[in-house]
Amino acid sequence: MLSAEAILALHDQRTHAWHESQLGAAEPEIAADTLEQAWMLAVARQHRANFDLWHIEDEARRPGATDAELAQVKRRIDRTNQLRNDLAEELDRFLLDWLAPQHLPASGAALHSESPGLIIDRLSILALKIYHTREEANRIDAPPGHVQRNLDRLAILLEQRADLAGCLDSLWQETLAGQRRFKLYRQLKMYNDPSLNPAIYQSRPA
């Protein structure tokens, strides 16, 4: 079900495709005929949230943006970040539902501090960093030293991603073997909930 190699390939493929289609123009959803395809679509949806969040945050850094534009961007960032976290939780829920009929994860196994969904979220962000760092390393108008600096950064990012992918595969294999377990860790974000965020509910008229 879970393969870090397949996830990295999907992240890279979608990252390139979305950048080439007018910065991620909407694409038709592909039907999933198998459980494995449904899983990879869920991974792609979570990656898309990170892709959108990356570029929305760039809008906030644009010189000359007005206060009104920044306020609008901030609200979009909050909504997209909430979606990103919700979809990471969905990945864990998907895997736990698949494991349950096999009586896994084993209740007595050592508990892993980070779930597969959270690791995949980190891999998604690394895919975006790698894409944009490689882009900077290939800039023909770059100032002196810029290309080498980004080649050095790229090597670090690729190593970090390879290490993290290996950890994901190990966690999954140990889970299947009954040697390790993970739990669904709810993010329980408060900032978007009007009943939990005092900045919202204290601003309402009496």
N, C-alpha and C. Protein backbone atom coordinates (compact mmCIF):
# COMPACT_ATOMS: atom_id res chain seq x y z
N MET A 1 0.83 -1.21 0.00
CA MET A 1 0.00 0.00 0.00
C MET A 1 0.86 1.26 0.00
N LEU A 2 1.80 1.33 0.94
CA LEU A 2 2.61 2.54 1.07
C LEU A 2 4.02 2.28 0.55
N SER A 3 4.47 3.13 -0.37
CA SER A 3 5.82 3.06 -0.92
C SER A 3 6.38 4.47 -0.99
N ALA A 4 7.45 4.72 -0.24
CA ALA A 4 8.06 6.05 -0.27
C ALA A 4 8.54 6.41 -1.67
N GLU A 5 9.08 5.44 -2.40
CA GLU A 5 9.57 5.70 -3.76
C GLU A 5 8.43 6.19 -4.65
N ALA A 6 7.27 5.55 -4.55
CA ALA A 6 6.12 5.96 -5.36
C ALA A 6 5.62 7.34 -4.95
N ILE A 7 5.66 7.64 -3.67
CA ILE A 7 5.21 8.95 -3.18
C ILE A 7 6.14 10.06 -3.68
N LEU A 8 7.46 9.82 -3.62
CA LEU A 8 8.41 10.83 -4.12
C LEU A 8 8.20 11.07 -5.61
N ALA A 9 8.00 10.00 -6.36
CA ALA A 9 7.79 10.14 -7.80
C ALA A 9 6.51 10.93 -8.08
N LEU A 10 5.46 10.65 -7.32
CA LEU A 10 4.20 11.38 -7.50
C LEU A 10 4.37 12.85 -7.15
N HIS A 11 5.02 13.14 -6.03
CA HIS A 11 5.26 14.53 -5.64
C HIS A 11 6.01 15.28 -6.74
N ASP A 12 7.07 14.68 -7.27
CA ASP A 12 7.86 15.35 -8.29
C ASP A 12 7.06 15.54 -9.58
N GLN A 13 6.33 14.50 -9.98
CA GLN A 13 5.56 14.58 -11.22
C GLN A 13 4.49 15.66 -11.13
N ARG A 14 3.75 15.68 -10.01
CA ARG A 14 2.68 16.67 -9.86
C ARG A 14 3.26 18.08 -9.71
N THR A 15 4.37 18.21 -9.01
CA THR A 15 4.98 19.53 -8.83
C THR A 15 5.35 20.13 -10.18
N HIS A 16 5.97 19.34 -11.05
CA HIS A 16 6.34 19.83 -12.39
C HIS A 16 5.09 20.13 -13.21
N ALA A 17 4.13 19.23 -13.18
CA ALA A 17 2.92 19.41 -14.00
C ALA A 17 2.15 20.66 -13.57
N TRP A 18 1.99 20.87 -12.28
CA TRP A 18 1.23 22.04 -11.81
C TRP A 18 1.94 23.34 -12.13
N HIS A 19 3.27 23.36 -12.06
CA HIS A 19 3.99 24.58 -12.39
C HIS A 19 3.89 24.90 -13.89
N GLU A 20 3.73 23.88 -14.69
CA GLU A 20 3.67 24.09 -16.13
C GLU A 20 2.26 24.40 -16.62
N SER A 21 1.27 24.27 -15.76
CA SER A 21 -0.13 24.50 -16.18
C SER A 21 -0.68 25.76 -15.54
N GLN A 22 -0.08 26.89 -15.90
CA GLN A 22 -0.51 28.19 -15.40
C GLN A 22 -0.58 28.19 -13.88
N LEU A 23 0.54 27.80 -13.26
CA LEU A 23 0.69 27.75 -11.82
C LEU A 23 -0.43 26.95 -11.16
N GLY A 24 -0.58 25.74 -11.66
CA GLY A 24 -1.47 24.82 -10.97
C GLY A 24 -2.93 25.01 -11.25
N ALA A 25 -3.27 25.33 -12.51
CA ALA A 25 -4.69 25.44 -12.85
C ALA A 25 -5.39 24.12 -12.53
N ALA A 26 -6.67 24.22 -12.21
CA ALA A 26 -7.43 23.03 -11.79
C ALA A 26 -7.37 21.96 -12.87
N GLU A 27 -7.22 20.72 -12.43
CA GLU A 27 -7.17 19.60 -13.35
C GLU A 27 -8.27 18.61 -12.99
N PRO A 28 -8.77 17.87 -13.96
CA PRO A 28 -9.84 16.93 -13.66
C PRO A 28 -9.37 15.82 -12.73
N GLU A 29 -10.23 15.45 -11.79
CA GLU A 29 -9.91 14.37 -10.86
C GLU A 29 -9.97 13.03 -11.59
N ILE A 30 -8.95 12.22 -11.40
CA ILE A 30 -8.89 10.91 -12.04
C ILE A 30 -9.59 9.89 -11.16
N ALA A 31 -10.43 9.08 -11.75
CA ALA A 31 -11.14 8.07 -10.98
C ALA A 31 -10.18 7.02 -10.46
N ALA A 32 -10.44 6.53 -9.25
CA ALA A 32 -9.60 5.50 -8.65
C ALA A 32 -10.32 4.16 -8.75
N ASP A 33 -9.74 3.23 -9.49
CA ASP A 33 -10.34 1.92 -9.68
C ASP A 33 -9.90 0.92 -8.62
N THR A 34 -8.80 1.20 -7.93
CA THR A 34 -8.29 0.28 -6.92
C THR A 34 -8.00 1.06 -5.64
N LEU A 35 -7.83 0.33 -4.56
CA LEU A 35 -7.51 0.96 -3.28
C LEU A 35 -6.17 1.68 -3.35
N GLU A 36 -5.22 1.09 -4.07
CA GLU A 36 -3.90 1.72 -4.21
C GLU A 36 -4.01 3.04 -4.97
N GLN A 37 -4.85 3.07 -6.01
CA GLN A 37 -5.04 4.32 -6.75
C GLN A 37 -5.72 5.37 -5.88
N ALA A 38 -6.68 4.95 -5.08
CA ALA A 38 -7.35 5.88 -4.17
C ALA A 38 -6.35 6.46 -3.17
N TRP A 39 -5.44 5.62 -2.71
CA TRP A 39 -4.40 6.08 -1.79
C TRP A 39 -3.51 7.14 -2.44
N MET A 40 -3.07 6.89 -3.66
CA MET A 40 -2.19 7.83 -4.33
C MET A 40 -2.91 9.14 -4.66
N LEU A 41 -4.21 9.06 -4.93
CA LEU A 41 -4.98 10.29 -5.15
C LEU A 41 -5.07 11.11 -3.86
N ALA A 42 -5.19 10.42 -2.74
CA ALA A 42 -5.21 11.11 -1.45
C ALA A 42 -3.87 11.79 -1.19
N VAL A 43 -2.78 11.11 -1.53
CA VAL A 43 -1.44 11.71 -1.40
C VAL A 43 -1.33 12.94 -2.30
N ALA A 44 -1.84 12.84 -3.52
CA ALA A 44 -1.78 13.96 -4.46
C ALA A 44 -2.59 15.15 -3.96
N ARG A 45 -3.76 14.90 -3.38
CA ARG A 45 -4.59 16.00 -2.86
C ARG A 45 -3.88 16.72 -1.72
N GLN A 46 -3.21 15.95 -0.86
CA GLN A 46 -2.49 16.58 0.25
C GLN A 46 -1.32 17.41 -0.28
N HIS A 47 -0.64 16.89 -1.28
CA HIS A 47 0.47 17.63 -1.88
C HIS A 47 -0.03 18.90 -2.55
N ARG A 48 -1.20 18.83 -3.16
CA ARG A 48 -1.76 20.01 -3.82
C ARG A 48 -2.02 21.13 -2.81
N ALA A 49 -2.46 20.76 -1.62
CA ALA A 49 -2.68 21.78 -0.60
C ALA A 49 -1.37 22.47 -0.24
N ASN A 50 -0.28 21.72 -0.14
CA ASN A 50 1.02 22.33 0.13
C ASN A 50 1.48 23.19 -1.03
N PHE A 51 1.24 22.72 -2.25
CA PHE A 51 1.60 23.49 -3.44
C PHE A 51 0.87 24.84 -3.42
N ASP A 52 -0.43 24.80 -3.17
CA ASP A 52 -1.22 26.04 -3.15
C ASP A 52 -0.74 26.95 -2.02
N LEU A 53 -0.49 26.36 -0.86
CA LEU A 53 -0.06 27.16 0.29
C LEU A 53 1.27 27.86 0.00
N TRP A 54 2.20 27.15 -0.62
CA TRP A 54 3.51 27.73 -0.97
C TRP A 54 3.33 29.00 -1.79
N HIS A 55 2.47 28.94 -2.80
CA HIS A 55 2.35 30.08 -3.72
C HIS A 55 1.45 31.18 -3.17
N ILE A 56 0.51 30.83 -2.32
CA ILE A 56 -0.28 31.87 -1.65
C ILE A 56 0.62 32.66 -0.71
N GLU A 57 1.49 31.96 0.02
CA GLU A 57 2.41 32.66 0.93
C GLU A 57 3.35 33.57 0.15
N ASP A 58 3.73 33.18 -1.06
CA ASP A 58 4.56 34.05 -1.89
C ASP A 58 3.84 35.36 -2.22
N GLU A 59 2.52 35.29 -2.38
CA GLU A 59 1.76 36.51 -2.67
C GLU A 59 1.89 37.51 -1.52
N ALA A 60 1.98 37.01 -0.29
CA ALA A 60 2.10 37.90 0.87
C ALA A 60 3.46 38.57 0.91
N ARG A 61 4.45 37.98 0.24
CA ARG A 61 5.81 38.54 0.25
C ARG A 61 6.06 39.48 -0.93
N ARG A 62 5.07 39.65 -1.77
CA ARG A 62 5.25 40.47 -2.97
C ARG A 62 5.41 41.94 -2.59
N PRO A 63 6.50 42.59 -2.99
CA PRO A 63 6.66 44.01 -2.70
C PRO A 63 5.52 44.81 -3.32
N GLY A 64 5.02 45.75 -2.59
CA GLY A 64 3.94 46.59 -3.11
C GLY A 64 2.56 46.09 -2.81
N ALA A 65 2.42 44.93 -2.18
CA ALA A 65 1.08 44.42 -1.84
C ALA A 65 0.43 45.37 -0.83
N THR A 66 -0.83 45.68 -1.04
CA THR A 66 -1.54 46.59 -0.15
C THR A 66 -1.97 45.86 1.12
N ASP A 67 -2.35 46.65 2.13
CA ASP A 67 -2.83 46.05 3.37
C ASP A 67 -4.07 45.20 3.13
N ALA A 68 -4.95 45.66 2.27
CA ALA A 68 -6.17 44.91 1.97
C ALA A 68 -5.83 43.59 1.28
N GLU A 69 -4.87 43.61 0.36
CA GLU A 69 -4.45 42.38 -0.32
C GLU A 69 -3.81 41.42 0.67
N LEU A 70 -2.99 41.93 1.58
CA LEU A 70 -2.34 41.08 2.57
C LEU A 70 -3.35 40.44 3.51
N ALA A 71 -4.39 41.19 3.88
CA ALA A 71 -5.44 40.63 4.74
C ALA A 71 -6.16 39.49 4.04
N GLN A 72 -6.45 39.68 2.76
CA GLN A 72 -7.12 38.63 1.99
C GLN A 72 -6.23 37.40 1.86
N VAL A 73 -4.94 37.63 1.61
CA VAL A 73 -4.00 36.52 1.49
C VAL A 73 -3.89 35.77 2.80
N LYS A 74 -3.85 36.49 3.92
CA LYS A 74 -3.76 35.84 5.23
C LYS A 74 -4.93 34.89 5.45
N ARG A 75 -6.11 35.30 5.07
CA ARG A 75 -7.29 34.43 5.24
C ARG A 75 -7.18 33.19 4.34
N ARG A 76 -6.65 33.37 3.14
CA ARG A 76 -6.46 32.23 2.24
C ARG A 76 -5.40 31.28 2.79
N ILE A 77 -4.35 31.84 3.39
CA ILE A 77 -3.32 31.01 4.01
C ILE A 77 -3.92 30.16 5.12
N ASP A 78 -4.73 30.78 5.97
CA ASP A 78 -5.35 30.03 7.08
C ASP A 78 -6.22 28.90 6.57
N ARG A 79 -7.05 29.19 5.56
CA ARG A 79 -7.93 28.15 5.02
C ARG A 79 -7.14 27.02 4.39
N THR A 80 -6.11 27.37 3.64
CA THR A 80 -5.33 26.34 2.93
C THR A 80 -4.49 25.52 3.90
N ASN A 81 -3.97 26.16 4.93
CA ASN A 81 -3.19 25.43 5.93
C ASN A 81 -4.09 24.46 6.70
N GLN A 82 -5.32 24.89 6.98
CA GLN A 82 -6.27 23.98 7.62
C GLN A 82 -6.53 22.77 6.74
N LEU A 83 -6.72 23.01 5.44
CA LEU A 83 -6.95 21.92 4.50
C LEU A 83 -5.75 20.99 4.45
N ARG A 84 -4.57 21.56 4.41
CA ARG A 84 -3.33 20.77 4.39
C ARG A 84 -3.27 19.82 5.58
N ASN A 85 -3.56 20.32 6.77
CA ASN A 85 -3.54 19.47 7.96
C ASN A 85 -4.65 18.44 7.96
N ASP A 86 -5.83 18.83 7.51
CA ASP A 86 -6.95 17.88 7.42
C ASP A 86 -6.61 16.73 6.48
N LEU A 87 -5.96 17.05 5.36
CA LEU A 87 -5.64 16.00 4.38
C LEU A 87 -4.51 15.10 4.88
N ALA A 88 -3.59 15.63 5.68
CA ALA A 88 -2.56 14.78 6.29
C ALA A 88 -3.21 13.79 7.26
N GLU A 89 -4.20 14.26 8.02
CA GLU A 89 -4.93 13.37 8.91
C GLU A 89 -5.68 12.30 8.10
N GLU A 90 -6.22 12.71 6.95
CA GLU A 90 -6.93 11.75 6.10
C GLU A 90 -6.01 10.62 5.66
N LEU A 91 -4.76 10.94 5.38
CA LEU A 91 -3.80 9.90 4.97
C LEU A 91 -3.64 8.87 6.09
N ASP A 92 -3.50 9.34 7.31
CA ASP A 92 -3.37 8.40 8.43
C ASP A 92 -4.64 7.58 8.63
N ARG A 93 -5.78 8.23 8.48
CA ARG A 93 -7.04 7.52 8.63
C ARG A 93 -7.18 6.44 7.57
N PHE A 94 -6.77 6.75 6.34
CA PHE A 94 -6.81 5.79 5.23
C PHE A 94 -5.98 4.56 5.57
N LEU A 95 -4.75 4.80 6.04
CA LEU A 95 -3.86 3.69 6.35
C LEU A 95 -4.37 2.87 7.54
N LEU A 96 -4.86 3.53 8.57
CA LEU A 96 -5.36 2.83 9.74
C LEU A 96 -6.60 1.99 9.38
N ASP A 97 -7.46 2.50 8.52
CA ASP A 97 -8.62 1.73 8.06
C ASP A 97 -8.18 0.50 7.29
N TRP A 98 -7.11 0.63 6.50
CA TRP A 98 -6.60 -0.51 5.73
C TRP A 98 -5.95 -1.55 6.64
N LEU A 99 -5.30 -1.09 7.70
CA LEU A 99 -4.61 -1.99 8.62
C LEU A 99 -5.55 -2.71 9.59
N ALA A 100 -6.67 -2.08 9.91
CA ALA A 100 -7.54 -2.59 10.97
C ALA A 100 -7.98 -4.05 10.77
N PRO A 101 -8.39 -4.48 9.56
CA PRO A 101 -8.79 -5.88 9.39
C PRO A 101 -7.66 -6.87 9.66
N GLN A 102 -6.42 -6.38 9.61
CA GLN A 102 -5.26 -7.24 9.88
C GLN A 102 -4.83 -7.16 11.36
N HIS A 103 -5.67 -6.47 12.16
CA HIS A 103 -5.38 -6.27 13.59
C HIS A 103 -4.05 -5.55 13.78
N LEU A 104 -3.84 -4.58 12.94
CA LEU A 104 -2.66 -3.74 13.00
C LEU A 104 -3.11 -2.28 13.04
N PRO A 105 -2.29 -1.39 13.59
CA PRO A 105 -1.02 -1.63 14.25
C PRO A 105 -1.18 -2.44 15.54
N ALA A 106 -0.18 -3.24 15.85
CA ALA A 106 -0.22 -4.09 17.04
C ALA A 106 -0.24 -3.23 18.30
N SER A 107 -1.18 -3.53 19.19
CA SER A 107 -1.36 -2.68 20.38
C SER A 107 -0.15 -2.68 21.29
N GLY A 108 0.62 -3.76 21.30
CA GLY A 108 1.77 -3.82 22.18
C GLY A 108 3.07 -3.35 21.56
N ALA A 109 3.01 -2.93 20.30
CA ALA A 109 4.23 -2.50 19.61
C ALA A 109 4.68 -1.13 20.10
N ALA A 110 5.95 -0.83 19.88
CA ALA A 110 6.49 0.48 20.25
C ALA A 110 5.78 1.57 19.46
N LEU A 111 5.44 2.66 20.14
CA LEU A 111 4.72 3.76 19.51
C LEU A 111 5.70 4.71 18.83
N HIS A 112 5.45 4.99 17.55
CA HIS A 112 6.27 5.95 16.80
C HIS A 112 5.70 7.34 17.05
N SER A 113 6.58 8.32 17.23
CA SER A 113 6.12 9.66 17.60
C SER A 113 5.50 10.43 16.44
N GLU A 114 5.80 10.02 15.21
CA GLU A 114 5.30 10.74 14.03
C GLU A 114 4.56 9.76 13.13
N SER A 115 3.39 10.16 12.69
CA SER A 115 2.57 9.28 11.86
C SER A 115 3.01 9.35 10.40
N PRO A 116 2.63 8.35 9.57
CA PRO A 116 2.96 8.42 8.14
C PRO A 116 2.42 9.67 7.46
N GLY A 117 1.20 10.10 7.83
CA GLY A 117 0.64 11.29 7.20
C GLY A 117 1.49 12.52 7.43
N LEU A 118 2.02 12.66 8.64
CA LEU A 118 2.88 13.82 8.95
C LEU A 118 4.21 13.72 8.23
N ILE A 119 4.74 12.51 8.08
CA ILE A 119 5.98 12.34 7.32
C ILE A 119 5.75 12.67 5.85
N ILE A 120 4.64 12.22 5.30
CA ILE A 120 4.33 12.51 3.89
C ILE A 120 4.16 14.01 3.68
N ASP A 121 3.58 14.69 4.66
CA ASP A 121 3.46 16.15 4.58
C ASP A 121 4.84 16.79 4.51
N ARG A 122 5.77 16.31 5.31
CA ARG A 122 7.14 16.84 5.27
C ARG A 122 7.82 16.53 3.94
N LEU A 123 7.57 15.34 3.40
CA LEU A 123 8.13 14.99 2.08
C LEU A 123 7.55 15.89 0.99
N SER A 124 6.29 16.23 1.12
CA SER A 124 5.64 17.12 0.16
C SER A 124 6.32 18.49 0.14
N ILE A 125 6.58 19.02 1.31
CA ILE A 125 7.24 20.33 1.41
C ILE A 125 8.66 20.25 0.85
N LEU A 126 9.34 19.15 1.14
CA LEU A 126 10.69 18.98 0.59
C LEU A 126 10.68 18.93 -0.93
N ALA A 127 9.66 18.29 -1.51
CA ALA A 127 9.55 18.24 -2.98
C ALA A 127 9.44 19.65 -3.56
N LEU A 128 8.69 20.52 -2.90
CA LEU A 128 8.54 21.89 -3.36
C LEU A 128 9.85 22.66 -3.20
N LYS A 129 10.53 22.46 -2.08
CA LYS A 129 11.82 23.13 -1.87
C LYS A 129 12.83 22.68 -2.92
N ILE A 130 12.84 21.40 -3.22
CA ILE A 130 13.77 20.86 -4.22
C ILE A 130 13.48 21.46 -5.59
N TYR A 131 12.22 21.52 -5.96
CA TYR A 131 11.84 22.07 -7.27
C TYR A 131 12.33 23.52 -7.39
N HIS A 132 12.05 24.34 -6.39
CA HIS A 132 12.37 25.76 -6.48
C HIS A 132 13.87 26.01 -6.31
N THR A 133 14.54 25.18 -5.53
CA THR A 133 15.99 25.33 -5.40
C THR A 133 16.69 24.95 -6.70
N ARG A 134 16.21 23.89 -7.34
CA ARG A 134 16.77 23.50 -8.64
C ARG A 134 16.53 24.60 -9.68
N GLU A 135 15.37 25.24 -9.59
CA GLU A 135 15.04 26.35 -10.48
C GLU A 135 16.05 27.49 -10.29
N GLU A 136 16.38 27.80 -9.03
CA GLU A 136 17.35 28.86 -8.76
C GLU A 136 18.75 28.47 -9.22
N ALA A 137 19.08 27.20 -9.09
CA ALA A 137 20.40 26.73 -9.53
C ALA A 137 20.56 26.81 -11.05
N ASN A 138 19.45 26.86 -11.76
CA ASN A 138 19.48 26.91 -13.23
C ASN A 138 19.25 28.31 -13.78
N ARG A 139 19.20 29.32 -12.92
CA ARG A 139 18.96 30.69 -13.37
C ARG A 139 20.15 31.21 -14.18
N ILE A 140 19.86 31.68 -15.38
CA ILE A 140 20.95 32.19 -16.23
C ILE A 140 21.29 33.65 -15.88
N ASP A 141 20.39 34.35 -15.18
CA ASP A 141 20.64 35.75 -14.82
C ASP A 141 21.05 35.88 -13.36
N ALA A 142 21.48 34.80 -12.74
CA ALA A 142 21.80 34.81 -11.32
C ALA A 142 23.10 35.56 -11.05
N PRO A 143 23.20 36.22 -9.90
CA PRO A 143 24.45 36.91 -9.54
C PRO A 143 25.54 35.90 -9.21
N PRO A 144 26.80 36.33 -9.15
CA PRO A 144 27.91 35.41 -8.86
C PRO A 144 27.70 34.67 -7.53
N GLY A 145 27.96 33.40 -7.55
CA GLY A 145 27.84 32.58 -6.34
C GLY A 145 26.46 32.01 -6.11
N HIS A 146 25.46 32.54 -6.79
CA HIS A 146 24.07 32.12 -6.57
C HIS A 146 23.86 30.66 -6.99
N VAL A 147 24.39 30.31 -8.14
CA VAL A 147 24.19 28.95 -8.66
C VAL A 147 24.82 27.93 -7.72
N GLN A 148 26.08 28.15 -7.32
CA GLN A 148 26.76 27.19 -6.45
C GLN A 148 26.07 27.09 -5.10
N ARG A 149 25.65 28.23 -4.58
CA ARG A 149 24.95 28.21 -3.29
C ARG A 149 23.71 27.33 -3.35
N ASN A 150 22.97 27.43 -4.45
CA ASN A 150 21.75 26.64 -4.57
C ASN A 150 22.02 25.18 -4.92
N LEU A 151 23.12 24.92 -5.61
CA LEU A 151 23.52 23.52 -5.82
C LEU A 151 23.87 22.86 -4.49
N ASP A 152 24.55 23.61 -3.62
CA ASP A 152 24.88 23.09 -2.29
C ASP A 152 23.60 22.84 -1.49
N ARG A 153 22.67 23.77 -1.56
CA ARG A 153 21.40 23.61 -0.84
C ARG A 153 20.62 22.42 -1.40
N LEU A 154 20.65 22.26 -2.72
CA LEU A 154 19.94 21.16 -3.35
C LEU A 154 20.46 19.81 -2.88
N ALA A 155 21.78 19.68 -2.75
CA ALA A 155 22.36 18.42 -2.28
C ALA A 155 21.88 18.10 -0.86
N ILE A 156 21.78 19.12 -0.03
CA ILE A 156 21.30 18.92 1.34
C ILE A 156 19.84 18.48 1.34
N LEU A 157 19.02 19.15 0.55
CA LEU A 157 17.60 18.83 0.49
C LEU A 157 17.36 17.41 -0.02
N LEU A 158 18.11 17.02 -1.04
CA LEU A 158 17.96 15.67 -1.58
C LEU A 158 18.36 14.61 -0.55
N GLU A 159 19.41 14.91 0.21
CA GLU A 159 19.83 13.97 1.26
C GLU A 159 18.77 13.88 2.35
N GLN A 160 18.24 15.03 2.75
CA GLN A 160 17.21 15.04 3.78
C GLN A 160 15.97 14.27 3.32
N ARG A 161 15.59 14.45 2.06
CA ARG A 161 14.41 13.75 1.56
C ARG A 161 14.65 12.24 1.49
N ALA A 162 15.83 11.84 1.05
CA ALA A 162 16.14 10.41 0.98
C ALA A 162 16.12 9.79 2.38
N ASP A 163 16.67 10.50 3.36
CA ASP A 163 16.67 10.00 4.74
C ASP A 163 15.24 9.85 5.25
N LEU A 164 14.42 10.87 5.01
CA LEU A 164 13.05 10.84 5.51
C LEU A 164 12.23 9.76 4.83
N ALA A 165 12.45 9.59 3.53
CA ALA A 165 11.75 8.53 2.79
C ALA A 165 12.11 7.16 3.35
N GLY A 166 13.39 6.97 3.69
CA GLY A 166 13.81 5.71 4.29
C GLY A 166 13.14 5.48 5.62
N CYS A 167 12.98 6.54 6.42
CA CYS A 167 12.30 6.43 7.71
C CYS A 167 10.83 6.04 7.51
N LEU A 168 10.19 6.60 6.48
CA LEU A 168 8.79 6.27 6.21
C LEU A 168 8.65 4.80 5.84
N ASP A 169 9.51 4.32 4.96
CA ASP A 169 9.46 2.90 4.58
C ASP A 169 9.70 1.99 5.78
N SER A 170 10.65 2.37 6.62
CA SER A 170 10.95 1.55 7.80
C SER A 170 9.76 1.51 8.75
N LEU A 171 9.13 2.66 8.98
CA LEU A 171 7.96 2.71 9.85
C LEU A 171 6.85 1.81 9.31
N TRP A 172 6.63 1.86 8.01
CA TRP A 172 5.55 1.06 7.43
C TRP A 172 5.86 -0.43 7.51
N GLN A 173 7.08 -0.81 7.19
CA GLN A 173 7.45 -2.23 7.25
C GLN A 173 7.39 -2.75 8.68
N GLU A 174 7.83 -1.96 9.64
CA GLU A 174 7.78 -2.38 11.04
C GLU A 174 6.34 -2.43 11.55
N THR A 175 5.49 -1.55 11.02
CA THR A 175 4.07 -1.61 11.38
C THR A 175 3.44 -2.89 10.86
N LEU A 176 3.73 -3.24 9.61
CA LEU A 176 3.19 -4.48 9.03
C LEU A 176 3.71 -5.71 9.77
N ALA A 177 4.92 -5.62 10.32
CA ALA A 177 5.51 -6.75 11.04
C ALA A 177 5.06 -6.79 12.50
N GLY A 178 4.25 -5.81 12.92
CA GLY A 178 3.77 -5.78 14.29
C GLY A 178 4.79 -5.28 15.30
N GLN A 179 5.86 -4.64 14.80
CA GLN A 179 6.94 -4.19 15.68
C GLN A 179 6.81 -2.72 16.09
N ARG A 180 5.99 -1.98 15.38
CA ARG A 180 5.83 -0.56 15.66
C ARG A 180 4.40 -0.15 15.35
N ARG A 181 3.93 0.88 16.02
CA ARG A 181 2.58 1.36 15.77
C ARG A 181 2.59 2.88 15.69
N PHE A 182 1.56 3.40 15.06
CA PHE A 182 1.36 4.85 15.00
C PHE A 182 -0.10 5.13 15.27
N LYS A 183 -0.38 6.35 15.65
CA LYS A 183 -1.74 6.76 15.95
C LYS A 183 -2.13 7.95 15.08
N LEU A 184 -3.43 8.19 14.98
CA LEU A 184 -3.93 9.38 14.30
C LEU A 184 -3.83 10.54 15.28
N TYR A 185 -2.91 11.44 15.01
CA TYR A 185 -2.75 12.60 15.87
C TYR A 185 -3.49 13.78 15.26
N ARG A 186 -4.58 14.16 15.92
CA ARG A 186 -5.38 15.28 15.44
C ARG A 186 -4.65 16.59 15.69
N GLN A 187 -4.64 17.46 14.71
CA GLN A 187 -3.96 18.75 14.84
C GLN A 187 -4.75 19.72 15.71
N LEU A 188 -6.10 19.59 15.66
CA LEU A 188 -6.97 20.40 16.51
C LEU A 188 -6.63 21.89 16.43
N LYS A 189 -6.54 22.39 15.21
CA LYS A 189 -6.25 23.81 15.00
C LYS A 189 -7.38 24.66 15.58
N MET A 190 -7.03 25.77 16.19
CA MET A 190 -8.01 26.63 16.85
C MET A 190 -8.28 27.92 16.09
N TYR A 191 -7.32 28.33 15.24
CA TYR A 191 -7.42 29.68 14.69
C TYR A 191 -8.58 29.88 13.74
N ASN A 192 -9.06 28.80 13.10
CA ASN A 192 -10.17 28.94 12.16
C ASN A 192 -11.53 28.67 12.80
N ASP A 193 -11.55 28.30 14.06
CA ASP A 193 -12.80 27.94 14.73
C ASP A 193 -13.34 29.15 15.48
N PRO A 194 -14.47 29.72 15.02
CA PRO A 194 -14.99 30.94 15.67
C PRO A 194 -15.42 30.74 17.11
N SER A 195 -15.59 29.47 17.54
CA SER A 195 -15.97 29.23 18.94
C SER A 195 -14.76 29.04 19.84
N LEU A 196 -13.55 28.92 19.27
CA LEU A 196 -12.35 28.65 20.06
C LEU A 196 -11.32 29.77 20.01
N ASN A 197 -11.38 30.60 19.00
CA ASN A 197 -10.39 31.66 18.85
C ASN A 197 -10.93 32.96 19.41
N PRO A 198 -10.39 33.46 20.54
CA PRO A 198 -10.93 34.69 21.13
C PRO A 198 -10.79 35.91 20.23
N ALA A 199 -9.82 35.87 19.30
CA ALA A 199 -9.69 37.00 18.36
C ALA A 199 -10.94 37.12 17.50
N ILE A 200 -11.68 35.99 17.34
CA ILE A 200 -12.90 36.01 16.53
C ILE A 200 -14.11 36.25 17.42
N TYR A 201 -14.29 35.40 18.47
CA TYR A 201 -15.54 35.49 19.21
C TYR A 201 -15.62 36.73 20.09
N GLN A 202 -14.48 37.30 20.49
CA GLN A 202 -14.52 38.53 21.29
C GLN A 202 -14.76 39.76 20.43
N SER A 203 -14.65 39.58 19.11
CA SER A 203 -14.88 40.71 18.20
C SER A 203 -16.32 40.79 17.73
N ARG A 204 -17.12 39.79 18.09
CA ARG A 204 -18.52 39.78 17.65
C ARG A 204 -19.33 40.79 18.46
N PRO A 205 -20.36 41.36 17.83
CA PRO A 205 -21.23 42.27 18.58
C PRO A 205 -21.93 41.53 19.72
N ALA A 206 -22.17 42.21 20.80
CA ALA A 206 -22.84 41.58 21.95
C ALA A 206 -24.25 41.17 21.56
